[in-house]
Amino acid sequence: MAGTVRHAVVVGAGIGGLAAAVALHRRGWWVTVCERAPGPPATGAGIVLAPNALRALDAIGFDATRATGGAVPAAMGLRRPGGDWLKRADTAALAARYGSPPLAVYRPALVAGLAAALPEGAIRYGTPVTTVDAGRTPHGDRAAALPVVRTPEGGLVADVVVAADGIHSALRRRHFPGHPGLRHTGETAWRTVLPADGLSGLDAAETWGRGERFGVVPLADGRVYVYAAAVVERGYRPEDPRAELLGRFGAWHSPVPELLARTDPADVLQHDLYDLAAPLPCRYLGRIAWLGDAAHAMTPDLGQGGCQAIEDAAVLAHLLAGGDVPEALAAYHRVRHARADAVRVRARRAGRVAALAHPVAVAARDLAVRATPARIARRAMDDLFGGFRLPPATPSG
């Protein structure tokens, strides 16, 4: 009915889910976000918002710098454990080419900024979604039926449900029972955020060793995000992560040892790395749409997991603004499925290269990175950083 406010229920209050909620709210939707956690995250690591994600946030109408700060490093690239550069790019050149340089931010600050853009009470913390009933009309038209989101507090009838419940998505498992699920990459990762006092002029860099990697990313708020990855068996958890990291990376180039010396073991997050073993057969069923890690979980090797979730959110809300929900979700699948899955596959391949451990393979890899012409490297970045655009809106229903 014309003039009726439509209701969107977003399952999950991560970056992708909140971006979708903000985008839909600003297009006139009544939005409810159901989040299992009892409250917003108090701690976390960093995320790099690449130029494509920043353009998607612009399309949503959200300025990330207001919530997170806007400082960027002078350069970014790849290094070897001894400190020499395999590749290095000035962020000023990236800004000139893509409109803005990558912006590294503190995840909880970005989450808080997105949450603040929603009406009071829109986010229901401590509200797990037990299931979503797709529903049926008297004629069995699944696309026309309004789904019911089941929670311990009762059911929520929605015009559309956004499944943004993360890499271990329960809604993905329930509605795609034949999908193979997640694939373990063979690596684990450690992450933390540290003060950068006395470490001025830091570049954003990832250093590749033999089966080990270390990343240094200055954040927009003046701190520094550090991460490390290593090829280990699934479930490996050292008793003292700081000692583990010093043993692996303490002899690497500056500022790695200096940063590790500042690390508090209690603040180190460790997670085994996974990605989706195969693409979903479809990004929607009825009036349920999958978004972010729930739809296309990928390894962090291109720094695009969160960025693709933000792209999802911008495109989904843009298409749903047209009014015809089934047509909008079909268009969302057509627009986002191929791009996001291509990035997932590309991230997997990049991770395999970065995780090489045999000395001969590592030497060949490093030589290949150095020998890659600048135009080829730019073409690869163009596809990622310049690949976001909004499609034509779907017609009103």
Protein backbone atom coordinates (compact mmCIF):
# COMPACT_ATOMS: atom_id res chain seq x y z
CA MET A 1 0.00 0.00 0.00
CA ALA A 2 1.35 3.41 -0.97
CA GLY A 3 2.65 5.37 2.00
CA THR A 4 3.11 2.32 4.23
CA VAL A 5 6.46 2.25 6.04
CA ARG A 6 8.18 -1.01 5.27
CA HIS A 7 10.00 -3.01 7.94
CA ALA A 8 13.49 -4.47 7.53
CA VAL A 9 14.93 -6.81 10.14
CA VAL A 10 18.71 -7.03 10.08
CA VAL A 11 20.23 -10.07 11.78
CA GLY A 12 23.64 -9.08 13.12
CA ALA A 13 25.09 -5.74 14.26
CA GLY A 14 28.48 -6.03 12.66
CA ILE A 15 29.81 -3.52 10.15
CA GLY A 16 27.87 -4.96 7.21
CA GLY A 17 24.60 -5.31 9.11
CA LEU A 18 24.78 -1.82 10.58
CA ALA A 19 25.74 -0.30 7.22
CA ALA A 20 22.68 -1.95 5.69
CA ALA A 21 20.49 -0.73 8.55
CA VAL A 22 21.73 2.86 8.18
CA ALA A 23 21.29 2.77 4.40
CA LEU A 24 17.73 1.41 4.66
CA HIS A 25 16.80 3.83 7.46
CA ARG A 26 17.92 6.76 5.34
CA ARG A 27 15.72 5.50 2.52
CA GLY A 28 12.63 5.56 4.69
CA TRP A 29 12.55 2.01 6.04
CA TRP A 30 11.66 1.12 9.62
CA VAL A 31 14.68 -0.91 10.73
CA THR A 32 15.16 -3.39 13.57
CA VAL A 33 18.61 -4.88 14.18
CA CYS A 34 18.76 -8.11 16.21
CA GLU A 35 22.17 -8.79 17.74
CA ARG A 36 23.07 -11.86 19.82
CA ALA A 37 25.81 -10.08 21.81
CA PRO A 38 24.72 -8.30 25.00
CA GLY A 39 26.11 -4.97 23.84
CA PRO A 40 28.38 -3.21 21.35
CA PRO A 41 32.00 -4.39 21.17
CA ALA A 42 34.22 -2.87 23.84
CA THR A 43 37.46 -4.06 22.23
CA GLY A 44 38.54 -5.04 18.76
CA ALA A 45 41.11 -4.70 16.04
CA GLY A 46 41.39 -2.57 12.93
CA ILE A 47 39.85 -2.57 9.50
CA VAL A 48 41.10 -0.93 6.33
CA LEU A 49 38.40 0.89 4.40
CA ALA A 50 39.63 0.75 0.82
CA PRO A 51 38.51 3.44 -1.67
CA ASN A 52 35.68 1.21 -2.92
CA ALA A 53 34.28 0.90 0.62
CA LEU A 54 34.61 4.64 1.21
CA ARG A 55 32.63 5.30 -1.98
CA ALA A 56 29.98 2.83 -0.83
CA LEU A 57 29.77 4.64 2.52
CA ASP A 58 29.40 7.92 0.62
CA ALA A 59 26.50 6.36 -1.29
CA ILE A 60 24.92 5.46 2.04
CA GLY A 61 25.52 8.99 3.30
CA PHE A 62 27.89 8.03 6.13
CA ASP A 63 31.18 9.84 6.80
CA ALA A 64 33.56 7.37 8.43
CA THR A 65 36.09 10.05 9.39
CA ARG A 66 33.67 11.69 11.83
CA ALA A 67 33.60 8.52 13.91
CA THR A 68 37.15 7.31 13.43
CA GLY A 69 39.52 10.13 12.48
CA GLY A 70 41.07 10.81 9.10
CA ALA A 71 44.87 10.42 9.39
CA VAL A 72 46.50 8.20 6.76
CA PRO A 73 50.10 6.95 6.40
CA ALA A 74 52.36 8.30 3.67
CA ALA A 75 52.90 4.91 2.02
CA MET A 76 51.80 1.29 1.99
CA GLY A 77 53.27 -1.88 0.56
CA LEU A 78 54.98 -5.25 1.01
CA ARG A 79 58.30 -5.91 2.77
CA ARG A 80 60.64 -8.78 3.56
CA PRO A 81 61.69 -9.71 7.14
CA GLY A 82 64.97 -7.84 6.67
CA GLY A 83 63.08 -4.64 5.92
CA ASP A 84 63.59 -4.18 2.18
CA TRP A 85 60.50 -3.35 0.14
CA LEU A 86 59.00 -5.69 -2.42
CA LYS A 87 56.36 -3.11 -3.44
CA ARG A 88 55.62 0.37 -2.15
CA ALA A 89 52.96 2.90 -3.14
CA ASP A 90 52.41 6.48 -1.99
CA THR A 91 48.95 7.04 -0.56
CA ALA A 92 48.85 10.44 -2.29
CA ALA A 93 49.07 8.65 -5.63
CA LEU A 94 46.30 6.27 -4.59
CA ALA A 95 44.13 9.22 -3.58
CA ALA A 96 44.72 10.88 -6.94
CA ARG A 97 43.76 7.72 -8.80
CA TYR A 98 40.79 6.53 -6.72
CA GLY A 99 39.49 9.70 -5.10
CA SER A 100 40.69 8.81 -1.60
CA PRO A 101 43.43 6.71 -0.02
CA PRO A 102 42.63 3.63 2.07
CA LEU A 103 41.57 4.62 5.60
CA ALA A 104 42.46 2.28 8.47
CA VAL A 105 40.09 2.60 11.42
CA TYR A 106 39.39 1.05 14.81
CA ARG A 107 36.51 -1.40 14.33
CA PRO A 108 34.61 -0.55 17.53
CA ALA A 109 34.72 3.15 16.63
CA LEU A 110 33.27 2.46 13.18
CA VAL A 111 30.58 0.20 14.68
CA ALA A 112 29.71 2.89 17.24
CA GLY A 113 29.48 5.54 14.53
CA LEU A 114 27.13 3.42 12.42
CA ALA A 115 25.01 2.57 15.46
CA ALA A 116 24.72 6.25 16.36
CA ALA A 117 23.24 6.93 12.91
CA LEU A 118 20.22 4.75 13.74
CA PRO A 119 17.16 5.77 15.76
CA GLU A 120 17.20 5.01 19.47
CA GLY A 121 16.01 1.47 20.12
CA ALA A 122 16.62 0.24 16.57
CA ILE A 123 19.34 -2.15 17.78
CA ARG A 124 18.19 -4.93 20.10
CA TYR A 125 21.25 -6.34 21.85
CA GLY A 126 21.00 -9.69 23.58
CA THR A 127 18.42 -10.78 21.01
CA PRO A 128 19.52 -13.89 19.13
CA VAL A 129 17.50 -14.92 16.11
CA THR A 130 16.51 -18.55 16.48
CA THR A 131 15.09 -18.92 12.98
CA VAL A 132 13.38 -17.07 10.14
CA ASP A 133 10.15 -18.52 8.81
CA ALA A 134 9.92 -17.68 5.15
CA GLY A 135 6.13 -17.96 5.31
CA ARG A 136 3.61 -18.84 2.63
CA THR A 137 0.69 -17.02 1.08
CA PRO A 138 -2.54 -18.94 0.44
CA HIS A 139 -1.30 -19.55 -3.11
CA GLY A 140 2.17 -20.68 -2.03
CA ASP A 141 3.97 -17.62 -3.40
CA ARG A 142 7.14 -17.58 -1.31
CA ALA A 143 8.36 -14.25 -2.69
CA ALA A 144 5.12 -12.50 -1.73
CA ALA A 145 4.93 -13.99 1.78
CA LEU A 146 6.26 -11.86 4.62
CA PRO A 147 8.93 -13.65 6.68
CA VAL A 148 8.72 -13.87 10.47
CA VAL A 149 11.95 -13.49 12.46
CA ARG A 150 11.80 -15.63 15.60
CA THR A 151 13.58 -14.40 18.75
CA PRO A 152 13.21 -15.21 22.47
CA GLU A 153 11.24 -11.96 22.75
CA GLY A 154 8.72 -13.04 20.11
CA GLY A 155 8.27 -12.85 16.36
CA LEU A 156 8.98 -9.88 14.08
CA VAL A 157 7.16 -9.66 10.76
CA ALA A 158 9.36 -8.08 8.10
CA ASP A 159 9.07 -6.97 4.51
CA VAL A 160 12.69 -8.05 4.09
CA VAL A 161 15.25 -9.82 6.29
CA VAL A 162 18.96 -9.05 5.93
CA ALA A 163 21.05 -12.01 7.08
CA ALA A 164 24.26 -10.36 8.26
CA ASP A 165 25.02 -12.89 10.99
CA GLY A 166 28.68 -13.34 10.16
CA ILE A 167 31.08 -16.00 9.01
CA HIS A 168 29.39 -18.74 11.05
CA SER A 169 25.94 -17.67 9.83
CA ALA A 170 23.23 -19.85 11.35
CA LEU A 171 20.78 -18.58 8.74
CA ARG A 172 23.11 -19.68 5.95
CA ARG A 173 23.35 -23.17 7.44
CA ARG A 174 19.59 -23.43 7.94
CA HIS A 175 18.47 -22.21 4.53
CA PHE A 176 21.31 -23.73 2.49
CA PRO A 177 21.71 -27.13 4.20
CA GLY A 178 23.52 -28.64 1.22
CA HIS A 179 26.23 -25.97 1.12
CA PRO A 180 29.69 -27.19 2.20
CA GLY A 181 30.15 -24.27 4.59
CA LEU A 182 33.56 -22.98 5.64
CA ARG A 183 37.08 -24.02 4.62
CA HIS A 184 40.00 -23.71 7.02
CA THR A 185 42.96 -22.01 5.33
CA GLY A 186 45.63 -23.70 7.45
CA GLU A 187 46.56 -20.44 9.18
CA THR A 188 45.82 -18.66 12.42
CA ALA A 189 45.93 -14.90 12.94
CA TRP A 190 46.72 -12.63 15.89
CA ARG A 191 45.46 -9.02 16.08
CA THR A 192 45.81 -6.11 18.47
CA VAL A 193 45.81 -2.30 18.59
CA LEU A 194 48.70 -0.46 20.21
CA PRO A 195 49.73 3.11 21.06
CA ALA A 196 52.04 4.65 18.49
CA ASP A 197 53.84 7.09 20.82
CA GLY A 198 57.43 7.59 19.70
CA LEU A 199 56.91 5.70 16.44
CA SER A 200 56.26 8.58 14.07
CA GLY A 201 56.28 8.17 10.30
CA LEU A 202 54.97 4.61 10.23
CA ASP A 203 54.06 3.21 6.83
CA ALA A 204 51.30 0.66 6.32
CA ALA A 205 53.10 -2.55 5.42
CA GLU A 206 52.70 -6.30 5.40
CA THR A 207 55.90 -8.30 5.70
CA TRP A 208 56.10 -11.77 4.15
CA GLY A 209 58.37 -14.43 5.57
CA ARG A 210 58.26 -18.21 5.23
CA GLY A 211 54.81 -19.35 6.26
CA GLU A 212 54.50 -16.24 8.43
CA ARG A 213 53.31 -12.67 7.93
CA PHE A 214 53.24 -9.49 9.99
CA GLY A 215 51.22 -6.36 9.31
CA VAL A 216 51.61 -2.80 10.58
CA VAL A 217 48.72 -0.41 9.87
CA PRO A 218 48.58 3.13 11.32
CA LEU A 219 45.00 3.90 12.33
CA ALA A 220 43.11 7.10 11.60
CA ASP A 221 42.94 7.87 15.34
CA GLY A 222 46.74 7.89 15.75
CA ARG A 223 47.21 4.37 17.11
CA VAL A 224 48.57 1.40 15.20
CA TYR A 225 46.86 -1.87 14.29
CA VAL A 226 49.17 -4.88 14.12
CA TYR A 227 48.39 -8.37 12.96
CA ALA A 228 50.28 -11.56 12.29
CA ALA A 229 49.50 -14.87 10.62
CA ALA A 230 51.24 -18.22 10.60
CA VAL A 231 50.70 -21.65 9.12
CA VAL A 232 49.75 -23.85 12.09
CA GLU A 233 47.26 -26.60 12.78
CA ARG A 234 43.68 -25.64 13.49
CA GLY A 235 42.99 -24.86 17.15
CA TYR A 236 46.61 -24.04 18.02
CA ARG A 237 46.58 -21.64 20.98
CA PRO A 238 49.86 -20.71 22.71
CA GLU A 239 49.65 -19.98 26.44
CA ASP A 240 51.48 -16.66 26.03
CA PRO A 241 50.68 -14.98 22.68
CA ARG A 242 53.23 -12.23 23.26
CA ALA A 243 56.02 -14.76 23.75
CA GLU A 244 54.78 -16.67 20.69
CA LEU A 245 54.87 -13.54 18.54
CA LEU A 246 58.29 -12.47 19.83
CA GLY A 247 59.63 -15.93 19.05
CA ARG A 248 58.31 -15.77 15.51
CA PHE A 249 58.83 -12.10 14.62
CA GLY A 250 61.12 -10.56 17.24
CA ALA A 251 64.14 -10.52 14.90
CA TRP A 252 62.28 -8.94 11.97
CA HIS A 253 62.80 -5.38 10.80
CA SER A 254 61.87 -2.29 12.80
CA PRO A 255 59.25 -1.40 14.02
CA VAL A 256 58.10 -5.01 14.48
CA PRO A 257 60.17 -5.74 17.64
CA GLU A 258 59.28 -2.35 19.13
CA LEU A 259 55.57 -2.99 18.59
CA LEU A 260 55.74 -6.48 20.03
CA ALA A 261 57.43 -5.09 23.14
CA ARG A 262 54.29 -2.96 23.73
CA THR A 263 51.88 -5.86 23.32
CA ASP A 264 49.70 -6.89 26.24
CA PRO A 265 48.86 -10.61 25.90
CA ALA A 266 45.38 -9.95 27.31
CA ASP A 267 44.60 -7.62 24.39
CA VAL A 268 45.67 -10.02 21.63
CA LEU A 269 42.83 -11.58 19.63
CA GLN A 270 43.51 -14.91 17.93
CA HIS A 271 41.32 -16.57 15.31
CA ASP A 272 41.87 -19.38 12.86
CA LEU A 273 41.29 -18.22 9.30
CA TYR A 274 38.41 -19.52 7.19
CA ASP A 275 36.62 -18.65 4.02
CA LEU A 276 33.52 -19.95 2.27
CA ALA A 277 34.31 -23.26 0.60
CA ALA A 278 32.04 -22.50 -2.38
CA PRO A 279 29.74 -19.67 -3.44
CA LEU A 280 26.16 -19.67 -2.26
CA PRO A 281 23.81 -20.85 -5.00
CA CYS A 282 21.85 -17.62 -4.51
CA ARG A 283 22.19 -14.56 -2.29
CA TYR A 284 18.50 -14.53 -1.43
CA LEU A 285 15.61 -16.89 -0.74
CA GLY A 286 12.12 -15.47 -0.71
CA ARG A 287 12.52 -12.19 1.14
CA ILE A 288 15.75 -13.10 2.97
CA ALA A 289 18.99 -11.59 1.60
CA TRP A 290 22.48 -12.64 2.70
CA LEU A 291 25.17 -10.00 3.16
CA GLY A 292 28.85 -9.78 4.10
CA ASP A 293 30.60 -12.77 5.66
CA ALA A 294 27.29 -14.63 5.83
CA ALA A 295 27.17 -14.47 2.02
CA HIS A 296 30.80 -14.56 0.92
CA ALA A 297 33.22 -15.07 3.82
CA MET A 298 36.73 -14.49 2.52
CA THR A 299 40.26 -14.49 3.86
CA PRO A 300 41.72 -11.13 4.93
CA ASP A 301 44.49 -11.26 2.34
CA LEU A 302 43.11 -8.46 0.17
CA GLY A 303 41.61 -6.51 3.06
CA GLN A 304 38.23 -6.70 1.33
CA GLY A 305 35.96 -8.68 3.66
CA GLY A 306 34.44 -5.69 5.40
CA CYS A 307 34.70 -3.58 2.26
CA GLN A 308 32.59 -6.03 0.27
CA ALA A 309 30.03 -6.13 3.10
CA ILE A 310 29.71 -2.35 2.88
CA GLU A 311 29.31 -2.59 -0.89
CA ASP A 312 26.56 -5.18 -0.32
CA ALA A 313 24.78 -2.83 2.07
CA ALA A 314 24.88 0.14 -0.28
CA VAL A 315 23.65 -1.84 -3.28
CA LEU A 316 20.92 -3.70 -1.38
CA ALA A 317 19.43 -0.54 0.12
CA HIS A 318 19.65 1.28 -3.21
CA LEU A 319 17.75 -1.47 -5.00
CA LEU A 320 15.17 -1.86 -2.23
CA ALA A 321 14.37 1.84 -2.47
CA GLY A 322 12.43 1.02 -5.65
CA GLY A 323 9.64 -0.66 -3.75
CA ASP A 324 9.37 -4.13 -5.33
CA VAL A 325 11.17 -6.36 -2.83
CA PRO A 326 11.32 -9.63 -4.84
CA GLU A 327 12.58 -7.80 -7.92
CA ALA A 328 15.11 -5.85 -5.84
CA LEU A 329 16.52 -9.02 -4.25
CA ALA A 330 16.84 -10.71 -7.63
CA ALA A 331 18.73 -7.65 -8.88
CA TYR A 332 20.90 -7.67 -5.75
CA HIS A 333 21.96 -11.24 -6.52
CA ARG A 334 22.75 -10.36 -10.15
CA VAL A 335 24.78 -7.28 -9.22
CA ARG A 336 26.70 -8.53 -6.21
CA HIS A 337 27.16 -12.28 -6.62
CA ALA A 338 29.84 -12.34 -9.30
CA ARG A 339 31.89 -9.42 -7.95
CA ALA A 340 31.95 -10.56 -4.32
CA ASP A 341 32.72 -14.17 -5.22
CA ALA A 342 35.51 -13.11 -7.57
CA VAL A 343 37.07 -11.16 -4.69
CA ARG A 344 36.66 -14.20 -2.41
CA VAL A 345 38.51 -16.44 -4.89
CA ARG A 346 41.19 -13.82 -5.47
CA ALA A 347 41.75 -13.41 -1.72
CA ARG A 348 42.13 -17.18 -1.35
CA ARG A 349 44.78 -17.26 -4.08
CA ALA A 350 46.62 -14.29 -2.57
CA GLY A 351 46.64 -16.02 0.80
CA ARG A 352 48.16 -19.15 -0.66
CA VAL A 353 50.97 -17.12 -2.19
CA ALA A 354 51.60 -15.12 0.97
CA ALA A 355 51.70 -18.28 3.13
CA LEU A 356 54.35 -20.09 1.07
CA ALA A 357 57.02 -21.60 3.30
CA HIS A 358 59.52 -23.52 1.13
CA PRO A 359 62.66 -21.38 0.60
CA VAL A 360 62.67 -21.88 -3.18
CA ALA A 361 58.98 -21.01 -3.48
CA VAL A 362 59.43 -17.96 -1.25
CA ALA A 363 62.37 -16.70 -3.30
CA ALA A 364 60.41 -17.15 -6.54
CA ARG A 365 57.40 -15.40 -5.03
CA ASP A 366 59.40 -12.40 -3.87
CA LEU A 367 61.14 -12.13 -7.23
CA ALA A 368 57.79 -12.25 -9.03
CA VAL A 369 56.33 -9.51 -6.81
CA ARG A 370 59.31 -7.25 -7.48
CA ALA A 371 59.26 -7.97 -11.21
CA THR A 372 55.55 -7.29 -11.71
CA PRO A 373 55.22 -4.13 -13.85
CA ALA A 374 53.54 -1.18 -12.18
CA ARG A 375 50.79 -1.13 -14.81
CA ILE A 376 49.83 -4.72 -13.96
CA ALA A 377 49.71 -3.93 -10.24
CA ARG A 378 47.58 -0.84 -10.95
CA ARG A 379 45.20 -2.89 -13.08
CA ALA A 380 44.71 -5.33 -10.19
CA MET A 381 44.00 -2.46 -7.78
CA ASP A 382 41.68 -0.79 -10.28
CA ASP A 383 39.44 -3.85 -10.26
CA LEU A 384 39.20 -3.77 -6.46
CA PHE A 385 39.32 -0.08 -5.62
CA GLY A 386 37.49 1.16 -8.69
CA GLY A 387 34.98 -1.66 -9.05
CA PHE A 388 32.14 -0.32 -6.92
CA ARG A 389 29.18 1.40 -8.54
CA LEU A 390 25.48 1.57 -7.86
CA PRO A 391 23.27 -0.17 -10.44
CA PRO A 392 20.07 1.34 -11.83
CA ALA A 393 17.34 1.32 -9.20
CA THR A 394 14.53 -1.21 -9.50
CA PRO A 395 11.16 0.23 -10.48
CA SER A 396 8.59 0.94 -7.79
CA GLY A 397 6.17 -1.87 -7.03
